[in-house]
Amino acid sequence: MEALFYILFSESANKYYVGHTTEPIEIRIRKHISNHKGFTAKFKDWKLVYAECFKSKQYAYAREIEVKAWKSRSRIEKLIDGSEHPA
């Protein structure tokens, strides 16, 4: 089953959200902006800014954990603009 590692950006929050999914990304983003109790529900302008495709959910999740461990907005922005090479 293919999976996607993705990064969303909210201009109103000026924040990135890092995640992974096996759903089509359009459906996943719709869930992020719906009325739920998660962090992303606070803002309704999430846009996909980066994605990597993996052969399984396990690999996409591992990539999510790796990028979240960076704890670095500048490094995430370098990944998005292509100057930080994917693992």
Protein backbone atom coordinates (compact mmCIF):
# COMPACT_ATOMS: atom_id res chain seq x y z
CA MET A 1 0.00 0.00 0.00
CA GLU A 2 1.48 3.36 -1.00
CA ALA A 3 1.69 6.10 1.58
CA LEU A 4 2.49 9.78 1.52
CA PHE A 5 4.66 11.86 3.83
CA TYR A 6 3.48 15.46 3.59
CA ILE A 7 3.94 18.97 4.89
CA LEU A 8 1.10 21.47 5.08
CA PHE A 9 1.39 25.21 5.67
CA SER A 10 -1.15 27.60 7.17
CA GLU A 11 -0.53 31.22 6.29
CA SER A 12 -2.89 32.49 9.01
CA ALA A 13 -1.06 30.46 11.67
CA ASN A 14 2.34 30.84 10.00
CA LYS A 15 2.94 27.19 10.90
CA TYR A 16 3.84 23.91 9.23
CA TYR A 17 2.16 20.59 9.90
CA VAL A 18 4.05 17.35 9.20
CA GLY A 19 2.17 14.10 8.70
CA HIS A 20 1.65 10.93 6.70
CA THR A 21 -1.36 9.21 5.14
CA THR A 22 -2.53 6.36 2.96
CA GLU A 23 -5.64 8.34 1.97
CA PRO A 24 -5.73 10.58 -1.11
CA ILE A 25 -4.16 13.87 0.01
CA GLU A 26 -7.26 15.89 -0.90
CA ILE A 27 -9.34 13.85 1.55
CA ARG A 28 -6.70 14.13 4.25
CA ILE A 29 -6.48 17.92 3.90
CA ARG A 30 -10.28 18.17 4.03
CA LYS A 31 -10.15 16.30 7.35
CA HIS A 32 -7.49 18.69 8.66
CA ILE A 33 -9.68 21.72 7.99
CA SER A 34 -12.89 20.14 9.24
CA ASN A 35 -14.37 20.67 12.69
CA HIS A 36 -12.39 18.30 14.88
CA LYS A 37 -10.40 18.75 18.06
CA GLY A 38 -6.90 18.51 16.62
CA PHE A 39 -4.32 21.25 16.14
CA THR A 40 -5.06 21.69 12.44
CA ALA A 41 -8.77 22.38 13.01
CA LYS A 42 -7.92 25.80 14.48
CA PHE A 43 -6.99 27.07 11.02
CA LYS A 44 -8.86 26.60 7.75
CA ASP A 45 -6.20 27.53 5.21
CA TRP A 46 -3.88 24.49 5.18
CA LYS A 47 -2.13 24.00 1.83
CA LEU A 48 0.08 21.15 0.68
CA VAL A 49 3.64 22.48 0.27
CA TYR A 50 5.65 19.23 0.11
CA ALA A 51 5.13 15.50 -0.34
CA GLU A 52 7.15 12.30 -0.72
CA CYS A 53 5.66 8.98 -1.79
CA PHE A 54 6.65 5.75 -0.02
CA LYS A 55 5.88 2.09 -0.70
CA SER A 56 4.33 1.58 2.73
CA LYS A 57 2.80 3.44 5.66
CA GLN A 58 5.72 2.30 7.82
CA TYR A 59 8.25 4.19 5.67
CA ALA A 60 6.10 7.33 5.43
CA TYR A 61 5.66 7.33 9.21
CA ALA A 62 9.40 6.88 9.72
CA ARG A 63 10.00 9.92 7.51
CA GLU A 64 7.45 11.92 9.51
CA ILE A 65 9.22 11.04 12.76
CA GLU A 66 12.60 11.93 11.24
CA VAL A 67 11.47 15.38 10.08
CA LYS A 68 9.63 16.13 13.33
CA ALA A 69 12.82 15.26 15.24
CA TRP A 70 14.63 18.06 13.42
CA LYS A 71 12.61 20.61 15.44
CA SER A 72 13.81 23.14 12.90
CA ARG A 73 11.58 25.36 10.82
CA SER A 74 14.53 26.46 8.68
CA ARG A 75 15.45 22.87 7.88
CA ILE A 76 11.83 22.09 6.93
CA GLU A 77 11.83 25.15 4.67
CA LYS A 78 15.06 23.95 3.05
CA LEU A 79 13.43 20.58 2.40
CA ILE A 80 10.43 22.31 0.82
CA ASP A 81 12.56 24.53 -1.43
CA GLY A 82 14.80 21.62 -2.45
CA SER A 83 18.05 22.59 -0.78
CA GLU A 84 17.67 19.88 1.89
CA HIS A 85 17.81 16.53 0.13
CA PRO A 86 15.34 13.78 1.14
CA ALA A 87 16.83 10.86 3.05
